[in-house]
């Protein structure tokens, strides 16, 4: 479906609309978007340098980015600057989707970090403010959808001071699934409000910036002259009433429960028992020949940690007959994803494909030894799980 049949909402749009719906209308409907300021461009550069540390192994050049590295666990398997999409609903055949990009996401333990540059750390949000932050909670919605068995996610801002002393700090807080889902419902309500606002004259919308302080925030709203150019617009719009009427026509796409999808994957990868033929099932069992042997006791299930040895970026020189390549272990899982979706795991909405692999690996019986190419894409996805399940980890040196 073309972009003409799609309307995209984002965390930044919601933030702007909650501060002043007129400002949102000027930017997104009227097309009056201001170019990035020097401070915003500098913040983007800091983001890029911190991203390159993890994704490319490049040391940052800016002293503020260098100092900020000490706040982060750079050896953890982070997903950096990953883009995600969520279907919202459809109105008159036009889909609405939520799009967002998360600076740093870790699946185990479930953690989200968003880099923020500020002129002074006194403006950094507190734990309480972070727990109410709409942008972080929408990211938390993405993370919890990837891990349906998890109820808690840690979210936080990594604030970097851009003026004066070189300082930074990481503040995080843990939120639960109920809190995240409740906030997501409010986000849906705001998107419906924006659907109403999209179809009316901007001067019919309330000047909420006067109440929220948006008119004077950050050196003043860039749309003030446009906003006051027509002091007495048309008849004011009751957004709540129109939103309620619009909600009745909304079509929410059906989404398969992630837990049921995981069960399908497990069923597809489980070994199938051979069904006895009709003659075998009805015929009398043959008598054993020779001496009767006692049946062997069933093998004891291996504990989660097990006695598996993980060769990370290396291979055993001796006694490695039982070692298995990671790709061979995951072959049935990857095949099942390919069969079910028609796409490889990396192409099937990355967050879903990798989530299925991680969940499946947590349940698989591991061999006595596993060989992993530390530079492979699969290693970056399942490294955390393997480190937790293997009793011994042997790292190769470069």
Protein backbone atom coordinates (compact mmCIF):
# COMPACT_ATOMS: atom_id res chain seq x y z
CA UNK A 1 0.00 0.00 0.00
CA UNK A 2 1.36 3.42 -0.94
CA UNK A 3 2.22 6.19 1.51
CA UNK A 4 -0.94 8.01 0.26
CA UNK A 5 -2.96 5.42 2.15
CA UNK A 6 -0.92 5.75 5.34
CA UNK A 7 -0.71 8.39 8.09
CA UNK A 8 2.24 8.11 10.45
CA UNK A 9 2.32 9.28 14.06
CA UNK A 10 5.41 9.41 16.26
CA UNK A 11 6.44 10.13 19.87
CA UNK A 12 7.66 13.61 18.92
CA UNK A 13 4.30 14.44 17.32
CA UNK A 14 2.49 13.39 20.48
CA UNK A 15 4.84 15.46 22.64
CA UNK A 16 4.26 18.56 20.51
CA UNK A 17 0.49 18.06 20.40
CA UNK A 18 0.23 17.71 24.17
CA UNK A 19 2.17 20.95 24.58
CA UNK A 20 0.07 22.77 21.95
CA UNK A 21 -2.14 21.22 19.31
CA UNK A 22 -1.86 24.35 17.19
CA UNK A 23 1.90 23.99 17.04
CA UNK A 24 1.43 20.40 15.86
CA UNK A 25 -1.04 21.56 13.16
CA UNK A 26 1.32 24.28 11.90
CA UNK A 27 4.16 21.77 11.57
CA UNK A 28 2.46 18.60 10.37
CA UNK A 29 -0.52 19.92 8.40
CA UNK A 30 0.64 23.41 7.42
CA UNK A 31 4.20 22.25 6.72
CA UNK A 32 5.84 25.08 8.67
CA UNK A 33 8.86 23.26 10.04
CA UNK A 34 11.80 25.14 11.44
CA UNK A 35 15.36 24.10 10.50
CA UNK A 36 17.40 22.45 13.24
CA UNK A 37 19.20 24.83 15.58
CA UNK A 38 22.93 24.66 16.25
CA UNK A 39 22.31 22.99 19.62
CA UNK A 40 20.07 20.36 17.99
CA UNK A 41 22.68 19.61 15.35
CA UNK A 42 25.31 19.26 18.07
CA UNK A 43 23.05 16.85 19.95
CA UNK A 44 22.64 14.79 16.78
CA UNK A 45 26.42 14.58 16.44
CA UNK A 46 26.79 13.38 20.05
CA UNK A 47 24.15 10.72 19.35
CA UNK A 48 26.02 9.59 16.23
CA UNK A 49 29.36 9.27 18.02
CA UNK A 50 27.85 7.20 20.85
CA UNK A 51 26.10 5.00 18.29
CA UNK A 52 29.34 4.40 16.38
CA UNK A 53 31.07 3.23 19.57
CA UNK A 54 28.72 0.23 19.76
CA UNK A 55 27.95 -0.48 16.11
CA UNK A 56 31.36 0.23 14.53
CA UNK A 57 33.79 0.21 17.44
CA UNK A 58 34.86 3.77 16.62
CA UNK A 59 36.14 5.88 19.50
CA UNK A 60 34.26 9.20 19.85
CA UNK A 61 36.14 12.44 19.16
CA UNK A 62 34.05 14.88 21.14
CA UNK A 63 35.19 15.14 24.80
CA UNK A 64 31.59 15.16 26.04
CA UNK A 65 30.81 11.95 24.16
CA UNK A 66 34.04 10.39 25.46
CA UNK A 67 33.11 11.22 29.06
CA UNK A 68 29.55 9.95 28.56
CA UNK A 69 30.80 6.47 27.60
CA UNK A 70 31.55 5.73 31.26
CA UNK A 71 27.79 5.69 32.02
CA UNK A 72 27.07 2.85 29.58
CA UNK A 73 27.73 -0.88 29.55
CA UNK A 74 29.18 -0.92 26.04
CA UNK A 75 29.85 -4.67 26.04
CA UNK A 76 26.19 -5.62 26.44
CA UNK A 77 24.24 -6.75 23.33
CA UNK A 78 22.49 -3.44 22.60
CA UNK A 79 20.30 -2.74 19.60
CA UNK A 80 21.24 0.78 18.58
CA UNK A 81 19.09 3.34 16.73
CA UNK A 82 16.66 0.63 15.64
CA UNK A 83 13.44 1.72 13.95
CA UNK A 84 10.11 0.16 14.90
CA UNK A 85 6.54 0.36 13.61
CA UNK A 86 3.21 -0.45 15.25
CA UNK A 87 -0.15 -0.61 13.44
CA UNK A 88 -2.75 1.63 15.13
CA UNK A 89 -6.08 1.63 13.28
CA UNK A 90 -7.74 2.50 9.96
CA UNK A 91 -10.26 5.23 9.08
CA UNK A 92 -11.99 5.21 5.69
CA UNK A 93 -9.41 2.80 4.33
CA UNK A 94 -6.44 4.91 5.43
CA UNK A 95 -4.11 3.18 7.88
CA UNK A 96 -2.53 4.86 10.88
CA UNK A 97 0.83 3.62 12.12
CA UNK A 98 3.20 4.56 14.94
CA UNK A 99 6.87 4.91 13.97
CA UNK A 100 9.76 5.40 16.36
CA UNK A 101 13.50 4.87 16.76
CA UNK A 102 15.04 3.71 20.04
CA UNK A 103 18.57 4.89 20.85
CA UNK A 104 19.55 1.81 22.91
CA UNK A 105 17.49 -1.34 23.54
CA UNK A 106 18.55 -4.42 25.46
CA UNK A 107 16.36 -7.52 25.60
CA UNK A 108 17.74 -9.16 28.74
CA UNK A 109 17.30 -7.53 31.14
CA UNK A 110 14.74 -5.46 29.25
CA UNK A 111 16.25 -1.95 29.18
CA UNK A 112 15.72 1.22 27.13
CA UNK A 113 18.09 4.21 27.16
CA UNK A 114 17.45 7.45 25.29
CA UNK A 115 20.31 9.94 24.85
CA UNK A 116 19.43 13.54 25.67
CA UNK A 117 21.64 16.62 25.32
CA UNK A 118 20.92 19.62 27.53
CA UNK A 119 22.59 22.92 28.30
CA UNK A 120 22.53 22.06 32.02
CA UNK A 121 21.99 18.80 33.89
CA UNK A 122 19.54 20.58 36.19
CA UNK A 123 17.02 20.13 33.37
CA UNK A 124 17.44 16.33 33.36
CA UNK A 125 14.22 14.51 34.25
CA UNK A 126 13.81 12.82 37.63
CA UNK A 127 12.82 9.18 38.08
CA UNK A 128 9.22 10.24 38.66
CA UNK A 129 9.19 12.33 35.48
CA UNK A 130 10.73 9.49 33.49
CA UNK A 131 7.99 7.12 34.66
CA UNK A 132 5.44 9.55 33.12
CA UNK A 133 7.38 10.28 29.93
CA UNK A 134 5.22 9.48 26.92
CA UNK A 135 8.13 8.88 24.54
CA UNK A 136 9.89 6.40 26.85
CA UNK A 137 6.65 4.60 27.68
CA UNK A 138 5.84 4.17 23.99
CA UNK A 139 9.29 2.63 23.55
CA UNK A 140 8.54 0.42 26.55
CA UNK A 141 5.41 -0.77 24.70
CA UNK A 142 7.64 -1.96 21.84
CA UNK A 143 10.03 -3.73 24.21
CA UNK A 144 7.30 -5.50 26.19
CA UNK A 145 5.63 -6.68 22.96
CA UNK A 146 8.93 -8.37 22.13
CA UNK A 147 9.08 -10.13 25.51
CA UNK A 148 5.49 -11.19 26.41
CA UNK A 149 6.72 -13.20 29.40
CA UNK A 150 8.30 -10.11 31.01
CA UNK A 151 6.29 -7.63 33.10
CA UNK A 152 8.96 -5.04 33.94
CA UNK A 153 11.16 -2.83 31.78
CA UNK A 154 13.80 -0.29 32.85
CA UNK A 155 13.66 3.03 30.98
CA UNK A 156 15.90 6.06 31.29
CA UNK A 157 17.55 9.17 29.94
CA UNK A 158 21.29 9.44 29.41
CA UNK A 159 21.65 13.21 29.81
CA UNK A 160 24.77 14.94 28.47
CA UNK A 161 25.55 18.56 29.36
CA UNK A 162 26.57 20.62 26.32
CA UNK A 163 27.72 23.84 28.00
CA UNK A 164 30.23 24.53 30.73
CA UNK A 165 31.72 21.57 32.59
CA UNK A 166 31.92 18.19 30.86
CA UNK A 167 29.25 16.24 32.75
CA UNK A 168 26.68 13.55 32.10
CA UNK A 169 24.50 11.18 34.08
CA UNK A 170 22.23 8.19 33.52
CA UNK A 171 18.89 8.16 35.34
CA UNK A 172 16.60 5.14 35.00
CA UNK A 173 13.39 3.85 36.53
CA UNK A 174 11.51 0.56 36.29
CA UNK A 175 7.90 0.52 35.04
CA UNK A 176 5.46 -2.36 34.74
CA UNK A 177 3.31 -3.61 31.89
CA UNK A 178 0.06 -2.23 33.33
CA UNK A 179 1.49 1.28 33.51
CA UNK A 180 2.82 1.05 29.96
CA UNK A 181 -0.47 -0.23 28.52
CA UNK A 182 -2.46 2.46 30.35
CA UNK A 183 -0.22 5.17 28.87
CA UNK A 184 -0.48 3.61 25.41
CA UNK A 185 -4.28 3.92 25.57
CA UNK A 186 -3.83 7.65 26.20
CA UNK A 187 -1.54 7.83 23.18
CA UNK A 188 -4.25 6.23 21.01
CA UNK A 189 -6.67 8.87 22.27
CA UNK A 190 -4.25 11.64 21.32
CA UNK A 191 -3.79 10.20 17.82
CA UNK A 192 -7.57 10.19 17.37
CA UNK A 193 -7.63 13.82 18.49
CA UNK A 194 -5.01 14.62 15.86
CA UNK A 195 -7.16 12.92 13.22
CA UNK A 196 -9.92 15.40 14.11
CA UNK A 197 -7.55 18.38 14.23
CA UNK A 198 -6.12 17.46 10.83
CA UNK A 199 -9.42 18.29 9.13
CA UNK A 200 -10.18 21.71 10.67
CA UNK A 201 -8.84 25.24 10.42
CA UNK A 202 -5.89 25.74 12.76
CA UNK A 203 -7.43 28.90 14.25
CA UNK A 204 -10.43 26.86 15.36
CA UNK A 205 -8.17 24.86 17.67
CA UNK A 206 -7.55 25.93 21.28
CA UNK A 207 -4.37 27.88 22.10
CA UNK A 208 -3.21 25.37 24.70
CA UNK A 209 0.35 26.70 24.59
CA UNK A 210 -0.72 29.59 26.79
CA UNK A 211 -1.62 27.14 29.55
CA UNK A 212 1.26 24.69 29.14
CA UNK A 213 3.95 27.35 28.71
CA UNK A 214 4.80 26.18 25.20
CA UNK A 215 4.42 29.72 23.80
CA UNK A 216 7.48 30.89 25.75
CA UNK A 217 9.41 27.63 26.07
CA UNK A 218 12.81 27.21 24.37
CA UNK A 219 13.11 30.90 23.39
CA UNK A 220 9.50 31.01 22.28
CA UNK A 221 7.31 29.10 19.87
CA UNK A 222 8.33 29.74 16.22
CA UNK A 223 4.63 29.84 15.22
CA UNK A 224 3.53 32.70 17.49
CA UNK A 225 3.09 35.22 14.66
CA UNK A 226 1.08 32.75 12.60
CA UNK A 227 -0.97 31.80 15.62
CA UNK A 228 -1.98 35.39 16.43
CA UNK A 229 -2.36 36.50 12.82
CA UNK A 230 -6.04 35.61 13.09
CA UNK A 231 -7.11 36.32 16.66
CA UNK A 232 -10.74 35.55 16.03
CA UNK A 233 -10.92 32.41 13.95
CA UNK A 234 -13.93 30.36 13.08
CA UNK A 235 -16.15 28.56 15.53
CA UNK A 236 -14.09 26.72 18.12
CA UNK A 237 -14.01 22.94 17.72
CA UNK A 238 -14.95 20.60 20.57
CA UNK A 239 -12.18 18.08 20.07
CA UNK A 240 -13.46 15.61 22.66
CA UNK A 241 -16.89 15.30 21.04
CA UNK A 242 -15.46 14.93 17.53
CA UNK A 243 -12.88 12.42 18.72
CA UNK A 244 -15.60 10.26 20.32
CA UNK A 245 -17.57 10.27 17.07
CA UNK A 246 -14.47 9.41 15.06
CA UNK A 247 -13.53 6.55 17.40
CA UNK A 248 -16.75 4.75 16.47
CA UNK A 249 -15.54 4.40 12.86
CA UNK A 250 -12.05 3.20 13.74
CA UNK A 251 -10.99 -0.24 12.59
CA UNK A 252 -8.26 -1.75 14.72
CA UNK A 253 -6.20 -4.42 12.90
CA UNK A 254 -6.33 -7.88 14.38
CA UNK A 255 -2.99 -8.86 15.82
CA UNK A 256 -1.99 -12.38 16.67
CA UNK A 257 -1.00 -12.81 20.30
CA UNK A 258 2.78 -13.13 20.56
CA UNK A 259 2.52 -15.99 23.02
CA UNK A 260 0.47 -18.05 20.55
CA UNK A 261 2.98 -17.27 17.79
CA UNK A 262 5.77 -18.53 20.00
CA UNK A 263 3.85 -21.74 20.66
CA UNK A 264 3.47 -22.26 16.91
CA UNK A 265 7.20 -21.83 16.46
CA UNK A 266 7.98 -24.32 19.22
CA UNK A 267 5.54 -26.83 17.73
CA UNK A 268 7.15 -26.42 14.31
CA UNK A 269 10.65 -27.05 15.65
CA UNK A 270 9.79 -29.93 18.00
CA UNK A 271 10.82 -33.41 16.78
CA UNK A 272 7.86 -35.38 15.46
CA UNK A 273 7.26 -38.94 16.67
CA UNK A 274 6.82 -41.54 13.95
CA UNK A 275 3.21 -42.74 13.76
CA UNK A 276 2.89 -46.54 13.72
CA UNK A 277 1.32 -48.02 10.60
CA UNK A 278 -2.04 -49.80 10.82
CA UNK A 279 -0.44 -53.22 10.74
CA UNK A 280 2.15 -52.33 13.37
CA UNK A 281 -0.42 -50.91 15.76
CA UNK A 282 -2.78 -53.87 15.52
CA UNK A 283 -0.23 -56.68 15.28
CA UNK A 284 0.97 -58.44 18.38
CA UNK A 285 4.32 -57.20 19.64
CA UNK A 286 7.14 -59.63 18.65
CA UNK A 287 8.83 -61.59 21.44
CA UNK A 288 12.40 -60.52 22.20
CA UNK A 289 15.20 -62.85 21.18
CA UNK A 290 18.11 -63.80 23.38
CA UNK A 291 18.59 -62.31 26.81
CA UNK A 292 16.16 -59.73 28.05
CA UNK A 293 17.81 -56.40 28.76
CA UNK A 294 16.58 -53.92 31.31
CA UNK A 295 15.33 -50.72 29.75
CA UNK A 296 17.57 -47.73 30.28
CA UNK A 297 16.36 -45.01 32.61
CA UNK A 298 15.32 -41.86 30.80
CA UNK A 299 18.05 -39.27 30.59
CA UNK A 300 17.84 -36.57 33.21
CA UNK A 301 16.96 -33.17 31.78
CA UNK A 302 19.85 -30.75 31.79
CA UNK A 303 19.52 -27.70 34.01
CA UNK A 304 19.20 -24.27 32.40
CA UNK A 305 22.81 -23.46 33.15
CA UNK A 306 23.86 -26.97 32.17
CA UNK A 307 27.44 -28.06 31.57
CA UNK A 308 27.66 -26.50 28.15
CA UNK A 309 30.96 -24.85 27.16
CA UNK A 310 30.65 -21.75 25.00
CA UNK A 311 33.54 -21.03 22.60
CA UNK A 312 33.00 -17.32 21.80
CA UNK A 313 35.05 -16.26 18.82
CA UNK A 314 37.26 -19.36 18.96
CA UNK A 315 37.19 -23.17 18.59
CA UNK A 316 38.48 -26.06 20.73
CA UNK A 317 41.87 -27.54 19.80
CA UNK A 318 41.26 -30.83 21.60
CA UNK A 319 38.19 -32.69 22.75
CA UNK A 320 35.90 -30.75 20.50
CA UNK A 321 34.12 -33.71 18.91
CA UNK A 322 30.84 -32.77 20.60
CA UNK A 323 31.02 -29.08 19.71
CA UNK A 324 28.21 -27.75 17.51
CA UNK A 325 28.05 -24.54 15.50
CA UNK A 326 25.46 -22.02 16.62
CA UNK A 327 24.03 -21.89 13.09
CA UNK A 328 23.39 -25.67 13.19
CA UNK A 329 21.61 -25.43 16.55
CA UNK A 330 19.31 -22.69 15.32
CA UNK A 331 18.75 -24.17 11.84
CA UNK A 332 15.29 -25.64 12.72
CA UNK A 333 14.23 -22.34 14.30
CA UNK A 334 15.36 -20.27 11.32
CA UNK A 335 13.69 -22.70 8.97
CA UNK A 336 10.43 -22.46 10.89
CA UNK A 337 10.50 -18.66 10.74
CA UNK A 338 11.17 -18.85 7.00
CA UNK A 339 8.28 -21.29 6.51
CA UNK A 340 5.84 -19.32 8.65
CA UNK A 341 6.60 -15.82 7.39
CA UNK A 342 8.10 -16.39 3.96
CA UNK A 343 11.05 -14.23 4.98
CA UNK A 344 14.35 -14.70 6.73
CA UNK A 345 14.57 -13.72 10.39
CA UNK A 346 16.44 -10.49 9.61
CA UNK A 347 13.84 -9.38 7.07
CA UNK A 348 10.74 -10.35 9.07
CA UNK A 349 10.19 -7.12 11.04
CA UNK A 350 13.57 -7.35 12.79
CA UNK A 351 12.21 -7.02 16.32
CA UNK A 352 9.85 -9.97 15.82
CA UNK A 353 12.34 -12.23 14.08
CA UNK A 354 15.04 -11.75 16.69
CA UNK A 355 12.55 -12.07 19.52
CA UNK A 356 11.42 -15.47 18.26
CA UNK A 357 15.03 -16.66 18.03
CA UNK A 358 15.84 -15.56 21.60
CA UNK A 359 12.69 -17.15 23.03
CA UNK A 360 13.33 -20.44 21.19
CA UNK A 361 16.96 -20.64 22.29
CA UNK A 362 15.96 -20.25 25.91
CA UNK A 363 13.98 -23.52 25.64
CA UNK A 364 16.33 -25.61 23.49
CA UNK A 365 18.49 -28.37 24.98
CA UNK A 366 22.08 -27.27 24.47
CA UNK A 367 24.91 -29.61 23.42
CA UNK A 368 28.08 -30.09 25.49
CA UNK A 369 29.87 -27.34 23.56
CA UNK A 370 28.89 -24.52 21.18
CA UNK A 371 31.13 -22.65 18.73
CA UNK A 372 30.05 -19.08 17.96
CA UNK A 373 31.43 -16.60 15.48
CA UNK A 374 31.43 -13.53 17.73
CA UNK A 375 31.14 -11.19 14.73
CA UNK A 376 28.02 -12.82 13.26
CA UNK A 377 24.56 -11.27 13.32
CA UNK A 378 23.18 -14.25 15.25
CA UNK A 379 25.82 -13.82 17.94
CA UNK A 380 24.70 -10.27 18.59
CA UNK A 381 21.12 -11.45 18.97
CA UNK A 382 21.55 -14.46 21.29
CA UNK A 383 24.82 -13.67 23.07
CA UNK A 384 23.08 -12.66 26.31
CA UNK A 385 21.11 -15.92 26.45
CA UNK A 386 24.16 -18.09 25.74
CA UNK A 387 26.27 -16.39 28.41
CA UNK A 388 23.51 -17.07 30.95
CA UNK A 389 22.94 -20.72 30.00
CA UNK A 390 26.50 -21.95 29.47
CA UNK A 391 28.52 -22.96 32.52
CA UNK A 392 31.89 -22.08 30.95
CA UNK A 393 32.65 -19.30 28.46
CA UNK A 394 35.95 -19.31 26.55
CA UNK A 395 36.63 -16.13 24.59
CA UNK A 396 38.94 -15.90 21.64
CA UNK A 397 41.49 -13.11 21.44
CA UNK A 398 42.09 -10.80 18.47
